[in-house]
Amino acid sequence: MLDLTKIYKEKYYEIKLIDGTELKLKRPTQAMVEYTLNLRDLKDNDKETLHAITGMFVRVLNRNTEDRVFTNEEIDNEYDTQIIAFVIQDYFEFWQKDVNEKVDFQ
């Protein structure tokens, strides 16, 4: 029997926000991965793209284990696009590395 509880051991992406808040973030959902893939179809630096990137960052932060809820407005007032993009990229790279360590697709 394949026991998914052994594969899906709790591991968290840890982040300290600008205000000093420390969060542990759970792995991304399939819907989040699809959302990021759809970001590629958007144009650079238009309002819709910036809003979508902020939305992805909010989704990432809302994966926190403390059940704190972040909003687009809160993020828009505290973070710039460069920081948001860096965190999104680092978050997904962290989880991709975890998958690569556990699963050999060859």
PDB file of N, CA and C in Angstrom:
ATOM      1  N   MET A   1       0.839  -1.173   0.000  1.00  0.00           N
ATOM      2  CA  MET A   1       0.000   0.000   0.000  1.00  0.00           C
ATOM      3  C   MET A   1       0.890   1.244   0.000  1.00  0.00           C
ATOM      4  N   LEU A   2       0.511   2.203  -0.814  1.00  0.00           N
ATOM      5  CA  LEU A   2       1.191   3.492  -0.845  1.00  0.00           C
ATOM      6  C   LEU A   2       0.600   4.365   0.260  1.00  0.00           C
ATOM      7  N   ASP A   3       1.420   4.744   1.202  1.00  0.00           N
ATOM      8  CA  ASP A   3       0.975   5.553   2.338  1.00  0.00           C
ATOM      9  C   ASP A   3       1.385   7.004   2.098  1.00  0.00           C
ATOM     10  N   LEU A   4       0.437   7.822   1.668  1.00  0.00           N
ATOM     11  CA  LEU A   4       0.731   9.221   1.359  1.00  0.00           C
ATOM     12  C   LEU A   4       1.130  10.027   2.581  1.00  0.00           C
ATOM     13  N   THR A   5       0.749   9.575   3.755  1.00  0.00           N
ATOM     14  CA  THR A   5       1.140  10.313   4.959  1.00  0.00           C
ATOM     15  C   THR A   5       2.640  10.269   5.172  1.00  0.00           C
ATOM     16  N   LYS A   6       3.290   9.234   4.654  1.00  0.00           N
ATOM     17  CA  LYS A   6       4.751   9.145   4.786  1.00  0.00           C
ATOM     18  C   LYS A   6       5.455  10.007   3.746  1.00  0.00           C
ATOM     19  N   ILE A   7       4.843  10.160   2.606  1.00  0.00           N
ATOM     20  CA  ILE A   7       5.422  10.995   1.554  1.00  0.00           C
ATOM     21  C   ILE A   7       5.197  12.467   1.874  1.00  0.00           C
ATOM     22  N   TYR A   8       4.039  12.764   2.396  1.00  0.00           N
ATOM     23  CA  TYR A   8       3.617  14.142   2.647  1.00  0.00           C
ATOM     24  C   TYR A   8       3.972  14.585   4.065  1.00  0.00           C
ATOM     25  N   LYS A   9       5.189  14.284   4.482  1.00  0.00           N
ATOM     26  CA  LYS A   9       5.633  14.736   5.798  1.00  0.00           C
ATOM     27  C   LYS A   9       5.595  16.252   5.838  1.00  0.00           C
ATOM     28  N   GLU A  10       5.152  16.784   6.950  1.00  0.00           N
ATOM     29  CA  GLU A  10       5.065  18.226   7.073  1.00  0.00           C
ATOM     30  C   GLU A  10       6.455  18.852   7.059  1.00  0.00           C
ATOM     31  N   LYS A  11       6.633  19.696   6.115  1.00  0.00           N
ATOM     32  CA  LYS A  11       7.834  20.494   5.960  1.00  0.00           C
ATOM     33  C   LYS A  11       7.313  21.879   5.600  1.00  0.00           C
ATOM     34  N   TYR A  12       7.976  22.907   6.032  1.00  0.00           N
ATOM     35  CA  TYR A  12       7.465  24.251   5.805  1.00  0.00           C
ATOM     36  C   TYR A  12       8.530  25.156   5.204  1.00  0.00           C
ATOM     37  N   TYR A  13       8.050  26.080   4.389  1.00  0.00           N
ATOM     38  CA  TYR A  13       8.877  27.180   3.902  1.00  0.00           C
ATOM     39  C   TYR A  13       8.779  28.252   4.974  1.00  0.00           C
ATOM     40  N   GLU A  14       9.913  28.717   5.453  1.00  0.00           N
ATOM     41  CA  GLU A  14       9.897  29.711   6.526  1.00  0.00           C
ATOM     42  C   GLU A  14      10.295  31.075   5.979  1.00  0.00           C
ATOM     43  N   ILE A  15       9.584  32.085   6.453  1.00  0.00           N
ATOM     44  CA  ILE A  15       9.819  33.446   5.970  1.00  0.00           C
ATOM     45  C   ILE A  15       9.630  34.432   7.112  1.00  0.00           C
ATOM     46  N   LYS A  16      10.435  35.491   7.092  1.00  0.00           N
ATOM     47  CA  LYS A  16      10.254  36.605   8.030  1.00  0.00           C
ATOM     48  C   LYS A  16       9.842  37.811   7.190  1.00  0.00           C
ATOM     49  N   LEU A  17       8.679  38.350   7.488  1.00  0.00           N
ATOM     50  CA  LEU A  17       8.144  39.472   6.732  1.00  0.00           C
ATOM     51  C   LEU A  17       8.815  40.780   7.138  1.00  0.00           C
ATOM     52  N   ILE A  18       8.550  41.812   6.374  1.00  0.00           N
ATOM     53  CA  ILE A  18       9.148  43.126   6.620  1.00  0.00           C
ATOM     54  C   ILE A  18       8.876  43.614   8.037  1.00  0.00           C
ATOM     55  N   ASP A  19       7.688  43.317   8.563  1.00  0.00           N
ATOM     56  CA  ASP A  19       7.337  43.773   9.916  1.00  0.00           C
ATOM     57  C   ASP A  19       7.890  42.871  11.018  1.00  0.00           C
ATOM     58  N   GLY A  20       8.663  41.843  10.630  1.00  0.00           N
ATOM     59  CA  GLY A  20       9.268  40.941  11.603  1.00  0.00           C
ATOM     60  C   GLY A  20       8.452  39.688  11.891  1.00  0.00           C
ATOM     61  N   THR A  21       7.246  39.609  11.370  1.00  0.00           N
ATOM     62  CA  THR A  21       6.406  38.425  11.556  1.00  0.00           C
ATOM     63  C   THR A  21       7.063  37.221  10.899  1.00  0.00           C
ATOM     64  N   GLU A  22       7.153  36.133  11.639  1.00  0.00           N
ATOM     65  CA  GLU A  22       7.700  34.897  11.092  1.00  0.00           C
ATOM     66  C   GLU A  22       6.563  33.935  10.798  1.00  0.00           C
ATOM     67  N   LEU A  23       6.606  33.365   9.587  1.00  0.00           N
ATOM     68  CA  LEU A  23       5.564  32.444   9.165  1.00  0.00           C
ATOM     69  C   LEU A  23       6.164  31.143   8.672  1.00  0.00           C
ATOM     70  N   LYS A  24       5.416  30.078   8.850  1.00  0.00           N
ATOM     71  CA  LYS A  24       5.722  28.788   8.247  1.00  0.00           C
ATOM     72  C   LYS A  24       4.639  28.545   7.212  1.00  0.00           C
ATOM     73  N   LEU A  25       5.069  28.317   5.970  1.00  0.00           N
ATOM     74  CA  LEU A  25       4.118  28.170   4.879  1.00  0.00           C
ATOM     75  C   LEU A  25       4.087  26.736   4.375  1.00  0.00           C
ATOM     76  N   LYS A  26       2.872  26.232   4.211  1.00  0.00           N
ATOM     77  CA  LYS A  26       2.676  24.878   3.706  1.00  0.00           C
ATOM     78  C   LYS A  26       2.963  24.834   2.206  1.00  0.00           C
ATOM     79  N   ARG A  27       3.092  23.613   1.697  1.00  0.00           N
ATOM     80  CA  ARG A  27       3.385  23.435   0.273  1.00  0.00           C
ATOM     81  C   ARG A  27       2.256  23.996  -0.581  1.00  0.00           C
ATOM     82  N   PRO A  28       2.573  24.381  -1.822  1.00  0.00           N
ATOM     83  CA  PRO A  28       1.540  24.936  -2.699  1.00  0.00           C
ATOM     84  C   PRO A  28       0.539  23.877  -3.136  1.00  0.00           C
ATOM     85  N   THR A  29      -0.650  24.327  -3.432  1.00  0.00           N
ATOM     86  CA  THR A  29      -1.681  23.441  -3.952  1.00  0.00           C
ATOM     87  C   THR A  29      -1.558  23.366  -5.476  1.00  0.00           C
ATOM     88  N   GLN A  30      -2.246  22.416  -6.065  1.00  0.00           N
ATOM     89  CA  GLN A  30      -2.268  22.294  -7.520  1.00  0.00           C
ATOM     90  C   GLN A  30      -2.836  23.566  -8.152  1.00  0.00           C
ATOM     91  N   ALA A  31      -3.843  24.136  -7.529  1.00  0.00           N
ATOM     92  CA  ALA A  31      -4.449  25.368  -8.042  1.00  0.00           C
ATOM     93  C   ALA A  31      -3.439  26.516  -8.063  1.00  0.00           C
ATOM     94  N   MET A  32      -2.581  26.581  -7.066  1.00  0.00           N
ATOM     95  CA  MET A  32      -1.554  27.625  -7.032  1.00  0.00           C
ATOM     96  C   MET A  32      -0.552  27.441  -8.167  1.00  0.00           C
ATOM     97  N   VAL A  33      -0.161  26.210  -8.431  1.00  0.00           N
ATOM     98  CA  VAL A  33       0.780  25.944  -9.523  1.00  0.00           C
ATOM     99  C   VAL A  33       0.153  26.362 -10.846  1.00  0.00           C
ATOM    100  N   GLU A  34      -1.103  26.009 -11.053  1.00  0.00           N
ATOM    101  CA  GLU A  34      -1.795  26.395 -12.282  1.00  0.00           C
ATOM    102  C   GLU A  34      -1.898  27.918 -12.402  1.00  0.00           C
ATOM    103  N   TYR A  35      -2.157  28.581 -11.297  1.00  0.00           N
ATOM    104  CA  TYR A  35      -2.248  30.045 -11.289  1.00  0.00           C
ATOM    105  C   TYR A  35      -0.930  30.659 -11.740  1.00  0.00           C
ATOM    106  N   THR A  36       0.188  30.137 -11.246  1.00  0.00           N
ATOM    107  CA  THR A  36       1.493  30.678 -11.642  1.00  0.00           C
ATOM    108  C   THR A  36       1.764  30.428 -13.116  1.00  0.00           C
ATOM    109  N   LEU A  37       1.338  29.289 -13.626  1.00  0.00           N
ATOM    110  CA  LEU A  37       1.520  29.014 -15.049  1.00  0.00           C
ATOM    111  C   LEU A  37       0.721  30.006 -15.893  1.00  0.00           C
ATOM    112  N   ASN A  38      -0.452  30.383 -15.423  1.00  0.00           N
ATOM    113  CA  ASN A  38      -1.272  31.359 -16.146  1.00  0.00           C
ATOM    114  C   ASN A  38      -0.660  32.763 -16.118  1.00  0.00           C
ATOM    115  N   LEU A  39       0.184  33.044 -15.135  1.00  0.00           N
ATOM    116  CA  LEU A  39       0.839  34.353 -15.073  1.00  0.00           C
ATOM    117  C   LEU A  39       1.735  34.580 -16.284  1.00  0.00           C
ATOM    118  N   ARG A  40       2.252  33.520 -16.856  1.00  0.00           N
ATOM    119  CA  ARG A  40       3.148  33.635 -18.013  1.00  0.00           C
ATOM    120  C   ARG A  40       2.447  34.236 -19.222  1.00  0.00           C
ATOM    121  N   ASP A  41       1.131  34.086 -19.281  1.00  0.00           N
ATOM    122  CA  ASP A  41       0.367  34.581 -20.427  1.00  0.00           C
ATOM    123  C   ASP A  41       0.052  36.073 -20.328  1.00  0.00           C
ATOM    124  N   LEU A  42       0.318  36.676 -19.188  1.00  0.00           N
ATOM    125  CA  LEU A  42       0.012  38.086 -19.002  1.00  0.00           C
ATOM    126  C   LEU A  42       1.143  38.958 -19.534  1.00  0.00           C
ATOM    127  N   LYS A  43       0.816  40.193 -19.860  1.00  0.00           N
ATOM    128  CA  LYS A  43       1.806  41.143 -20.377  1.00  0.00           C
ATOM    129  C   LYS A  43       2.637  41.702 -19.231  1.00  0.00           C
ATOM    130  N   ASP A  44       3.842  42.126 -19.558  1.00  0.00           N
ATOM    131  CA  ASP A  44       4.720  42.715 -18.549  1.00  0.00           C
ATOM    132  C   ASP A  44       4.215  44.087 -18.118  1.00  0.00           C
ATOM    133  N   ASN A  45       4.247  44.302 -16.822  1.00  0.00           N
ATOM    134  CA  ASN A  45       4.025  45.610 -16.202  1.00  0.00           C
ATOM    135  C   ASN A  45       2.694  46.284 -16.500  1.00  0.00           C
ATOM    136  N   ASP A  46       1.668  45.538 -16.805  1.00  0.00           N
ATOM    137  CA  ASP A  46       0.364  46.178 -16.891  1.00  0.00           C
ATOM    138  C   ASP A  46      -0.377  45.955 -15.581  1.00  0.00           C
ATOM    139  N   LYS A  47      -1.454  46.669 -15.386  1.00  0.00           N
ATOM    140  CA  LYS A  47      -2.182  46.615 -14.119  1.00  0.00           C
ATOM    141  C   LYS A  47      -2.668  45.208 -13.788  1.00  0.00           C
ATOM    142  N   GLU A  48      -3.181  44.510 -14.785  1.00  0.00           N
ATOM    143  CA  GLU A  48      -3.703  43.166 -14.570  1.00  0.00           C
ATOM    144  C   GLU A  48      -2.595  42.220 -14.100  1.00  0.00           C
ATOM    145  N   THR A  49      -1.430  42.347 -14.703  1.00  0.00           N
ATOM    146  CA  THR A  49      -0.300  41.494 -14.333  1.00  0.00           C
ATOM    147  C   THR A  49       0.156  41.779 -12.902  1.00  0.00           C
ATOM    148  N   LEU A  50       0.292  43.051 -12.577  1.00  0.00           N
ATOM    149  CA  LEU A  50       0.712  43.414 -11.218  1.00  0.00           C
ATOM    150  C   LEU A  50      -0.302  42.917 -10.187  1.00  0.00           C
ATOM    151  N   HIS A  51      -1.572  43.050 -10.497  1.00  0.00           N
ATOM    152  CA  HIS A  51      -2.618  42.577  -9.582  1.00  0.00           C
ATOM    153  C   HIS A  51      -2.549  41.049  -9.430  1.00  0.00           C
ATOM    154  N   ALA A  52      -2.295  40.347 -10.531  1.00  0.00           N
ATOM    155  CA  ALA A  52      -2.210  38.886 -10.495  1.00  0.00           C
ATOM    156  C   ALA A  52      -0.998  38.421  -9.692  1.00  0.00           C
ATOM    157  N   ILE A  53       0.123  39.113  -9.836  1.00  0.00           N
ATOM    158  CA  ILE A  53       1.329  38.753  -9.075  1.00  0.00           C
ATOM    159  C   ILE A  53       1.106  38.996  -7.590  1.00  0.00           C
ATOM    160  N   THR A  54       0.483  40.113  -7.250  1.00  0.00           N
ATOM    161  CA  THR A  54       0.150  40.377  -5.845  1.00  0.00           C
ATOM    162  C   THR A  54      -0.792  39.303  -5.325  1.00  0.00           C
ATOM    163  N   GLY A  55      -1.758  38.910  -6.147  1.00  0.00           N
ATOM    164  CA  GLY A  55      -2.688  37.850  -5.759  1.00  0.00           C
ATOM    165  C   GLY A  55      -1.985  36.540  -5.478  1.00  0.00           C
ATOM    166  N   MET A  56      -0.952  36.238  -6.276  1.00  0.00           N
ATOM    167  CA  MET A  56      -0.194  35.003  -6.049  1.00  0.00           C
ATOM    168  C   MET A  56       0.568  35.094  -4.730  1.00  0.00           C
ATOM    169  N   PHE A  57       1.148  36.243  -4.456  1.00  0.00           N
ATOM    170  CA  PHE A  57       1.874  36.437  -3.200  1.00  0.00           C
ATOM    171  C   PHE A  57       0.933  36.272  -2.009  1.00  0.00           C
ATOM    172  N   VAL A  58      -0.267  36.822  -2.116  1.00  0.00           N
ATOM    173  CA  VAL A  58      -1.270  36.678  -1.054  1.00  0.00           C
ATOM    174  C   VAL A  58      -1.600  35.203  -0.860  1.00  0.00           C
ATOM    175  N   ARG A  59      -1.772  34.475  -1.956  1.00  0.00           N
ATOM    176  CA  ARG A  59      -2.060  33.036  -1.851  1.00  0.00           C
ATOM    177  C   ARG A  59      -0.913  32.300  -1.155  1.00  0.00           C
ATOM    178  N   VAL A  60       0.310  32.662  -1.483  1.00  0.00           N
ATOM    179  CA  VAL A  60       1.473  32.035  -0.844  1.00  0.00           C
ATOM    180  C   VAL A  60       1.445  32.314   0.655  1.00  0.00           C
ATOM    181  N   LEU A  61       1.305  33.584   1.024  1.00  0.00           N
ATOM    182  CA  LEU A  61       1.302  33.934   2.446  1.00  0.00           C
ATOM    183  C   LEU A  61       0.139  33.303   3.200  1.00  0.00           C
ATOM    184  N   ASN A  62      -0.987  33.141   2.540  1.00  0.00           N
ATOM    185  CA  ASN A  62      -2.151  32.547   3.189  1.00  0.00           C
ATOM    186  C   ASN A  62      -2.037  31.040   3.379  1.00  0.00           C
ATOM    187  N   ARG A  63      -0.956  30.441   2.945  1.00  0.00           N
ATOM    188  CA  ARG A  63      -0.686  29.031   3.221  1.00  0.00           C
ATOM    189  C   ARG A  63      -0.022  28.877   4.589  1.00  0.00           C
ATOM    190  N   ASN A  64      -0.016  29.920   5.394  1.00  0.00           N
ATOM    191  CA  ASN A  64       0.660  29.888   6.693  1.00  0.00           C
ATOM    192  C   ASN A  64      -0.060  28.993   7.689  1.00  0.00           C
ATOM    193  N   THR A  65       0.729  28.433   8.586  1.00  0.00           N
ATOM    194  CA  THR A  65       0.210  27.495   9.584  1.00  0.00           C
ATOM    195  C   THR A  65      -0.543  28.196  10.715  1.00  0.00           C
ATOM    196  N   GLU A  66      -0.415  29.516  10.813  1.00  0.00           N
ATOM    197  CA  GLU A  66      -1.076  30.270  11.874  1.00  0.00           C
ATOM    198  C   GLU A  66      -2.484  30.709  11.474  1.00  0.00           C
ATOM    199  N   ASP A  67      -2.889  30.408  10.240  1.00  0.00           N
ATOM    200  CA  ASP A  67      -4.202  30.794   9.705  1.00  0.00           C
ATOM    201  C   ASP A  67      -4.415  32.303   9.665  1.00  0.00           C
ATOM    202  N   ARG A  68      -3.339  33.046   9.572  1.00  0.00           N
ATOM    203  CA  ARG A  68      -3.455  34.493   9.384  1.00  0.00           C
ATOM    204  C   ARG A  68      -3.884  34.731   7.942  1.00  0.00           C
ATOM    205  N   VAL A  69      -4.796  35.659   7.750  1.00  0.00           N
ATOM    206  CA  VAL A  69      -5.314  35.952   6.420  1.00  0.00           C
ATOM    207  C   VAL A  69      -4.746  37.290   5.941  1.00  0.00           C
ATOM    208  N   PHE A  70      -4.105  37.258   4.779  1.00  0.00           N
ATOM    209  CA  PHE A  70      -3.562  38.450   4.148  1.00  0.00           C
ATOM    210  C   PHE A  70      -4.496  38.875   3.017  1.00  0.00           C
ATOM    211  N   THR A  71      -4.494  40.154   2.693  1.00  0.00           N
ATOM    212  CA  THR A  71      -5.318  40.682   1.603  1.00  0.00           C
ATOM    213  C   THR A  71      -4.430  41.381   0.578  1.00  0.00           C
ATOM    214  N   ASN A  72      -4.963  41.538  -0.622  1.00  0.00           N
ATOM    215  CA  ASN A  72      -4.221  42.258  -1.669  1.00  0.00           C
ATOM    216  C   ASN A  72      -3.920  43.689  -1.229  1.00  0.00           C
ATOM    217  N   GLU A  73      -4.882  44.332  -0.601  1.00  0.00           N
ATOM    218  CA  GLU A  73      -4.702  45.722  -0.178  1.00  0.00           C
ATOM    219  C   GLU A  73      -3.563  45.845   0.829  1.00  0.00           C
ATOM    220  N   GLU A  74      -3.513  44.928   1.779  1.00  0.00           N
ATOM    221  CA  GLU A  74      -2.450  44.933   2.786  1.00  0.00           C
ATOM    222  C   GLU A  74      -1.085  44.776   2.119  1.00  0.00           C
ATOM    223  N   ILE A  75      -0.992  43.857   1.180  1.00  0.00           N
ATOM    224  CA  ILE A  75       0.273  43.605   0.494  1.00  0.00           C
ATOM    225  C   ILE A  75       0.650  44.782  -0.392  1.00  0.00           C
ATOM    226  N   ASP A  76      -0.319  45.354  -1.111  1.00  0.00           N
ATOM    227  CA  ASP A  76      -0.056  46.514  -1.973  1.00  0.00           C
ATOM    228  C   ASP A  76       0.552  47.672  -1.182  1.00  0.00           C
ATOM    229  N   ASN A  77       0.154  47.820   0.074  1.00  0.00           N
ATOM    230  CA  ASN A  77       0.634  48.930   0.898  1.00  0.00           C
ATOM    231  C   ASN A  77       1.977  48.665   1.564  1.00  0.00           C
ATOM    232  N   GLU A  78       2.452  47.420   1.554  1.00  0.00           N
ATOM    233  CA  GLU A  78       3.672  47.082   2.276  1.00  0.00           C
ATOM    234  C   GLU A  78       4.828  46.585   1.400  1.00  0.00           C
ATOM    235  N   TYR A  79       4.540  45.999   0.247  1.00  0.00           N
ATOM    236  CA  TYR A  79       5.567  45.312  -0.541  1.00  0.00           C
ATOM    237  C   TYR A  79       5.616  45.825  -1.966  1.00  0.00           C
ATOM    238  N   ASP A  80       6.841  45.865  -2.514  1.00  0.00           N
ATOM    239  CA  ASP A  80       6.978  46.237  -3.918  1.00  0.00           C
ATOM    240  C   ASP A  80       7.084  44.978  -4.783  1.00  0.00           C
ATOM    241  N   THR A  81       6.950  45.168  -6.063  1.00  0.00           N
ATOM    242  CA  THR A  81       6.896  44.057  -7.006  1.00  0.00           C
ATOM    243  C   THR A  81       8.157  43.200  -6.974  1.00  0.00           C
ATOM    244  N   GLN A  82       9.304  43.806  -6.806  1.00  0.00           N
ATOM    245  CA  GLN A  82      10.562  43.051  -6.793  1.00  0.00           C
ATOM    246  C   GLN A  82      10.590  42.060  -5.631  1.00  0.00           C
ATOM    247  N   ILE A  83      10.208  42.486  -4.453  1.00  0.00           N
ATOM    248  CA  ILE A  83      10.180  41.594  -3.289  1.00  0.00           C
ATOM    249  C   ILE A  83       9.144  40.498  -3.497  1.00  0.00           C
ATOM    250  N   ILE A  84       7.979  40.875  -3.979  1.00  0.00           N
ATOM    251  CA  ILE A  84       6.912  39.904  -4.213  1.00  0.00           C
ATOM    252  C   ILE A  84       7.381  38.824  -5.180  1.00  0.00           C
ATOM    253  N   ALA A  85       7.966  39.235  -6.299  1.00  0.00           N
ATOM    254  CA  ALA A  85       8.426  38.272  -7.308  1.00  0.00           C
ATOM    255  C   ALA A  85       9.521  37.372  -6.740  1.00  0.00           C
ATOM    256  N   PHE A  86      10.429  37.940  -5.957  1.00  0.00           N
ATOM    257  CA  PHE A  86      11.503  37.144  -5.363  1.00  0.00           C
ATOM    258  C   PHE A  86      10.939  36.068  -4.440  1.00  0.00           C
ATOM    259  N   VAL A  87      10.004  36.439  -3.586  1.00  0.00           N
ATOM    260  CA  VAL A  87       9.440  35.477  -2.640  1.00  0.00           C
ATOM    261  C   VAL A  87       8.693  34.366  -3.377  1.00  0.00           C
ATOM    262  N   ILE A  88       7.889  34.731  -4.367  1.00  0.00           N
ATOM    263  CA  ILE A  88       7.153  33.722  -5.126  1.00  0.00           C
ATOM    264  C   ILE A  88       8.116  32.730  -5.762  1.00  0.00           C
ATOM    265  N   GLN A  89       9.149  33.245  -6.398  1.00  0.00           N
ATOM    266  CA  GLN A  89      10.129  32.373  -7.051  1.00  0.00           C
ATOM    267  C   GLN A  89      10.828  31.468  -6.038  1.00  0.00           C
ATOM    268  N   ASP A  90      11.263  32.036  -4.928  1.00  0.00           N
ATOM    269  CA  ASP A  90      11.979  31.259  -3.921  1.00  0.00           C
ATOM    270  C   ASP A  90      11.081  30.189  -3.296  1.00  0.00           C
ATOM    271  N   TYR A  91       9.833  30.538  -3.042  1.00  0.00           N
ATOM    272  CA  TYR A  91       8.854  29.607  -2.463  1.00  0.00           C
ATOM    273  C   TYR A  91       8.681  28.390  -3.376  1.00  0.00           C
ATOM    274  N   PHE A  92       8.450  28.636  -4.649  1.00  0.00           N
ATOM    275  CA  PHE A  92       8.232  27.520  -5.568  1.00  0.00           C
ATOM    276  C   PHE A  92       9.514  26.718  -5.822  1.00  0.00           C
ATOM    277  N   GLU A  93      10.663  27.377  -5.834  1.00  0.00           N
ATOM    278  CA  GLU A  93      11.931  26.648  -5.972  1.00  0.00           C
ATOM    279  C   GLU A  93      12.171  25.745  -4.769  1.00  0.00           C
ATOM    280  N   PHE A  94      11.839  26.217  -3.582  1.00  0.00           N
ATOM    281  CA  PHE A  94      11.983  25.425  -2.360  1.00  0.00           C
ATOM    282  C   PHE A  94      11.170  24.142  -2.472  1.00  0.00           C
ATOM    283  N   TRP A  95       9.912  24.268  -2.906  1.00  0.00           N
ATOM    284  CA  TRP A  95       9.055  23.092  -2.996  1.00  0.00           C
ATOM    285  C   TRP A  95       9.430  22.196  -4.166  1.00  0.00           C
ATOM    286  N   GLN A  96       9.922  22.779  -5.256  1.00  0.00           N
ATOM    287  CA  GLN A  96      10.362  21.958  -6.379  1.00  0.00           C
ATOM    288  C   GLN A  96      11.558  21.105  -5.970  1.00  0.00           C
ATOM    289  N   LYS A  97      12.449  21.691  -5.202  1.00  0.00           N
ATOM    290  CA  LYS A  97      13.607  20.936  -4.700  1.00  0.00           C
ATOM    291  C   LYS A  97      13.131  19.782  -3.820  1.00  0.00           C
ATOM    292  N   ASP A  98      12.141  20.028  -2.989  1.00  0.00           N
ATOM    293  CA  ASP A  98      11.593  18.981  -2.124  1.00  0.00           C
ATOM    294  C   ASP A  98      11.010  17.840  -2.955  1.00  0.00           C
ATOM    295  N   VAL A  99      10.279  18.181  -3.998  1.00  0.00           N
ATOM    296  CA  VAL A  99       9.710  17.150  -4.870  1.00  0.00           C
ATOM    297  C   VAL A  99      10.822  16.356  -5.555  1.00  0.00           C
ATOM    298  N   ASN A 100      11.818  17.061  -6.059  1.00  0.00           N
ATOM    299  CA  ASN A 100      12.920  16.392  -6.754  1.00  0.00           C
ATOM    300  C   ASN A 100      13.680  15.432  -5.848  1.00  0.00           C
ATOM    301  N   GLU A 101      13.766  15.763  -4.564  1.00  0.00           N
ATOM    302  CA  GLU A 101      14.452  14.883  -3.615  1.00  0.00           C
ATOM    303  C   GLU A 101      13.653  13.626  -3.319  1.00  0.00           C
ATOM    304  N   LYS A 102      12.326  13.712  -3.434  1.00  0.00           N
ATOM    305  CA  LYS A 102      11.478  12.585  -3.065  1.00  0.00           C
ATOM    306  C   LYS A 102      11.011  11.738  -4.246  1.00  0.00           C
ATOM    307  N   VAL A 103      10.963  12.322  -5.426  1.00  0.00           N
ATOM    308  CA  VAL A 103      10.385  11.639  -6.570  1.00  0.00           C
ATOM    309  C   VAL A 103      11.385  11.609  -7.719  1.00  0.00           C
ATOM    310  N   ASP A 104      11.637  10.425  -8.242  1.00  0.00           N
ATOM    311  CA  ASP A 104      12.513  10.272  -9.406  1.00  0.00           C
ATOM    312  C   ASP A 104      11.633   9.945 -10.605  1.00  0.00           C
ATOM    313  N   PHE A 105      11.464  10.938 -11.479  1.00  0.00           N
ATOM    314  CA  PHE A 105      10.587  10.759 -12.634  1.00  0.00           C
ATOM    315  C   PHE A 105      11.247  10.012 -13.786  1.00  0.00           C
ATOM    316  N   GLN A 106      12.489   9.594 -13.627  1.00  0.00           N
ATOM    317  CA  GLN A 106      13.193   8.925 -14.724  1.00  0.00           C
ATOM    318  C   GLN A 106      12.709   7.535 -14.946  1.00  0.00           C
TER     319      GLN A 106
END
